[in-house]
Structure formats: structure tokens, C-alpha cells
Amino acid sequence: MEVLVNNKLYAVQPHTTVAGLLQFIQLSSEKGIAVAVNNLVVPRLQWDQQALQPSDNVTIIRATQGG
């Protein structure tokens, strides 16, 4: 199935979770990120349970430091 992640199309396995997606795109160990699926924020504690659906729109935001 395909999901849109930050405006880039990814092909993932059916029943892929948010955590699985982050692992697939090599962001699973990153700190300071937030994830929204179809404009709804998914709390970090639910990343392992939140399964993605075909054509979901996933937004990943990374906190950055600056001055």
C-alpha cells in the first residue's frame, strides 16, 4: 500500500504502524519528532498501535535548535 509522508510517496506493507513507518524511513531512533496522520497528532505512546491505511497522509515534524 502507499502512504504520503511529507509529500513523498512511500510503498509500505499493509498494517504498517507509525513506529514501523519511522523504522522504514530510518527515523525510529530520532528524538524531537512529532507525527500526524491525516492532520491528527498521534501521541508517541500510540505509535506502536496506530496502523496506517492506504492513502494516509503522514506529516513528520522535527524539532530543531537555533538562536
N, C-alpha and C. Protein backbone atom coordinates (compact mmCIF):
# COMPACT_ATOMS: atom_id res chain seq x y z
N MET A 1 0.85 -1.18 0.00
CA MET A 1 0.00 0.00 0.00
C MET A 1 0.88 1.23 0.00
N GLU A 2 0.31 2.34 -0.40
CA GLU A 2 1.06 3.59 -0.47
C GLU A 2 0.53 4.60 0.52
N VAL A 3 1.48 5.31 1.16
CA VAL A 3 1.14 6.41 2.05
C VAL A 3 1.99 7.61 1.66
N LEU A 4 1.49 8.78 1.92
CA LEU A 4 2.19 10.02 1.62
C LEU A 4 2.84 10.52 2.89
N VAL A 5 4.16 10.68 2.87
CA VAL A 5 4.91 11.14 4.04
C VAL A 5 5.62 12.43 3.66
N ASN A 6 5.20 13.52 4.28
CA ASN A 6 5.78 14.84 3.96
C ASN A 6 5.86 15.06 2.45
N ASN A 7 4.75 14.78 1.79
CA ASN A 7 4.58 14.97 0.35
C ASN A 7 5.44 14.05 -0.52
N LYS A 8 5.91 12.94 0.04
CA LYS A 8 6.66 11.95 -0.71
C LYS A 8 5.95 10.61 -0.56
N LEU A 9 5.73 9.93 -1.67
CA LEU A 9 5.00 8.67 -1.67
C LEU A 9 5.92 7.51 -1.27
N TYR A 10 5.44 6.69 -0.32
CA TYR A 10 6.17 5.50 0.13
C TYR A 10 5.27 4.29 -0.02
N ALA A 11 5.85 3.18 -0.46
CA ALA A 11 5.14 1.90 -0.52
C ALA A 11 5.53 1.12 0.74
N VAL A 12 4.52 0.79 1.56
CA VAL A 12 4.76 0.05 2.80
C VAL A 12 3.84 -1.16 2.84
N GLN A 13 4.15 -2.07 3.73
CA GLN A 13 3.34 -3.28 3.88
C GLN A 13 1.99 -2.93 4.53
N PRO A 14 0.93 -3.67 4.19
CA PRO A 14 -0.35 -3.47 4.88
C PRO A 14 -0.16 -3.65 6.39
N HIS A 15 -0.92 -2.93 7.16
CA HIS A 15 -0.91 -2.98 8.63
C HIS A 15 0.37 -2.39 9.23
N THR A 16 1.13 -1.63 8.44
CA THR A 16 2.30 -0.95 8.98
C THR A 16 1.85 0.08 10.00
N THR A 17 2.54 0.12 11.13
CA THR A 17 2.22 1.10 12.17
C THR A 17 3.06 2.36 11.96
N VAL A 18 2.74 3.39 12.71
CA VAL A 18 3.54 4.61 12.67
C VAL A 18 4.98 4.28 13.04
N ALA A 19 5.17 3.47 14.09
CA ALA A 19 6.53 3.08 14.51
C ALA A 19 7.23 2.31 13.39
N GLY A 20 6.52 1.43 12.72
CA GLY A 20 7.10 0.68 11.61
C GLY A 20 7.50 1.58 10.46
N LEU A 21 6.67 2.58 10.18
CA LEU A 21 7.00 3.54 9.12
C LEU A 21 8.26 4.32 9.47
N LEU A 22 8.35 4.78 10.72
CA LEU A 22 9.53 5.53 11.14
C LEU A 22 10.78 4.67 11.05
N GLN A 23 10.66 3.40 11.37
CA GLN A 23 11.79 2.50 11.23
C GLN A 23 12.15 2.33 9.75
N PHE A 24 11.15 2.18 8.90
CA PHE A 24 11.37 2.01 7.47
C PHE A 24 12.10 3.20 6.86
N ILE A 25 11.75 4.41 7.29
CA ILE A 25 12.42 5.59 6.73
C ILE A 25 13.58 6.06 7.61
N GLN A 26 14.00 5.20 8.52
CA GLN A 26 15.17 5.40 9.36
C GLN A 26 15.09 6.63 10.26
N LEU A 27 13.92 6.81 10.86
CA LEU A 27 13.75 7.89 11.84
C LEU A 27 13.34 7.35 13.21
N SER A 28 13.35 6.04 13.39
CA SER A 28 12.83 5.46 14.62
C SER A 28 13.63 5.84 15.86
N SER A 29 14.91 6.12 15.71
CA SER A 29 15.72 6.46 16.88
C SER A 29 15.83 7.96 17.10
N GLU A 30 15.21 8.73 16.23
CA GLU A 30 15.27 10.19 16.34
C GLU A 30 14.46 10.68 17.54
N LYS A 31 14.99 11.67 18.21
CA LYS A 31 14.24 12.32 19.28
C LYS A 31 13.78 13.67 18.76
N GLY A 32 12.75 14.21 19.40
CA GLY A 32 12.28 15.52 19.00
C GLY A 32 11.46 15.52 17.72
N ILE A 33 10.74 14.41 17.47
CA ILE A 33 9.87 14.41 16.30
C ILE A 33 8.42 14.23 16.74
N ALA A 34 7.54 14.75 15.93
CA ALA A 34 6.10 14.59 16.14
C ALA A 34 5.51 14.04 14.85
N VAL A 35 4.45 13.24 14.99
CA VAL A 35 3.84 12.62 13.83
C VAL A 35 2.34 12.90 13.84
N ALA A 36 1.83 13.27 12.68
CA ALA A 36 0.38 13.43 12.49
C ALA A 36 -0.04 12.57 11.31
N VAL A 37 -1.18 11.92 11.45
CA VAL A 37 -1.75 11.13 10.37
C VAL A 37 -3.07 11.78 10.00
N ASN A 38 -3.19 12.19 8.76
CA ASN A 38 -4.39 12.89 8.28
C ASN A 38 -4.72 14.09 9.17
N ASN A 39 -3.69 14.84 9.51
CA ASN A 39 -3.79 16.08 10.30
C ASN A 39 -4.18 15.86 11.75
N LEU A 40 -4.11 14.64 12.26
CA LEU A 40 -4.36 14.36 13.67
C LEU A 40 -3.07 13.87 14.31
N VAL A 41 -2.61 14.57 15.34
CA VAL A 41 -1.37 14.19 16.01
C VAL A 41 -1.53 12.83 16.67
N VAL A 42 -0.53 11.98 16.48
CA VAL A 42 -0.52 10.65 17.10
C VAL A 42 0.46 10.71 18.26
N PRO A 43 -0.01 10.55 19.50
CA PRO A 43 0.90 10.57 20.64
C PRO A 43 1.95 9.47 20.53
N ARG A 44 3.16 9.74 20.96
CA ARG A 44 4.28 8.80 20.86
C ARG A 44 3.92 7.44 21.47
N LEU A 45 3.17 7.43 22.54
CA LEU A 45 2.80 6.15 23.18
C LEU A 45 1.90 5.29 22.30
N GLN A 46 1.31 5.87 21.25
CA GLN A 46 0.42 5.12 20.37
C GLN A 46 1.06 4.75 19.03
N TRP A 47 2.32 5.11 18.84
CA TRP A 47 2.98 4.83 17.56
C TRP A 47 3.01 3.34 17.25
N ASP A 48 3.17 2.49 18.28
CA ASP A 48 3.22 1.04 18.05
C ASP A 48 1.85 0.46 17.69
N GLN A 49 0.77 1.12 18.08
CA GLN A 49 -0.57 0.60 17.83
C GLN A 49 -1.27 1.23 16.64
N GLN A 50 -0.87 2.44 16.26
CA GLN A 50 -1.56 3.18 15.19
C GLN A 50 -1.20 2.61 13.83
N ALA A 51 -2.11 1.82 13.26
CA ALA A 51 -1.88 1.24 11.93
C ALA A 51 -2.24 2.26 10.85
N LEU A 52 -1.44 2.27 9.81
CA LEU A 52 -1.70 3.16 8.69
C LEU A 52 -2.65 2.50 7.70
N GLN A 53 -3.39 3.33 6.99
CA GLN A 53 -4.33 2.88 5.98
C GLN A 53 -3.84 3.36 4.61
N PRO A 54 -4.26 2.68 3.54
CA PRO A 54 -3.86 3.14 2.20
C PRO A 54 -4.23 4.62 1.99
N SER A 55 -3.33 5.35 1.39
CA SER A 55 -3.51 6.77 1.06
C SER A 55 -3.49 7.70 2.27
N ASP A 56 -3.08 7.21 3.44
CA ASP A 56 -2.94 8.12 4.59
C ASP A 56 -1.91 9.19 4.27
N ASN A 57 -2.13 10.36 4.84
CA ASN A 57 -1.22 11.48 4.69
C ASN A 57 -0.51 11.67 6.03
N VAL A 58 0.79 11.36 6.07
CA VAL A 58 1.57 11.41 7.29
C VAL A 58 2.48 12.64 7.25
N THR A 59 2.47 13.39 8.34
CA THR A 59 3.34 14.55 8.46
C THR A 59 4.29 14.30 9.62
N ILE A 60 5.58 14.42 9.36
CA ILE A 60 6.60 14.24 10.40
C ILE A 60 7.30 15.59 10.58
N ILE A 61 7.32 16.05 11.82
CA ILE A 61 7.93 17.34 12.13
C ILE A 61 9.08 17.09 13.09
N ARG A 62 10.23 17.67 12.78
CA ARG A 62 11.41 17.55 13.64
C ARG A 62 11.67 18.88 14.34
N ALA A 63 11.85 18.80 15.65
CA ALA A 63 12.23 20.00 16.41
C ALA A 63 13.69 20.31 16.10
N THR A 64 13.97 21.57 15.96
CA THR A 64 15.35 21.99 15.72
C THR A 64 15.73 23.06 16.74
N GLN A 65 17.01 23.17 16.96
CA GLN A 65 17.50 24.19 17.88
C GLN A 65 18.07 25.34 17.05
N GLY A 66 17.97 26.47 17.60
CA GLY A 66 18.51 27.63 16.89
C GLY A 66 18.49 28.85 17.79
N GLY A 67 18.96 29.92 17.26
CA GLY A 67 19.03 31.11 18.08
C GLY A 67 18.42 32.29 17.46
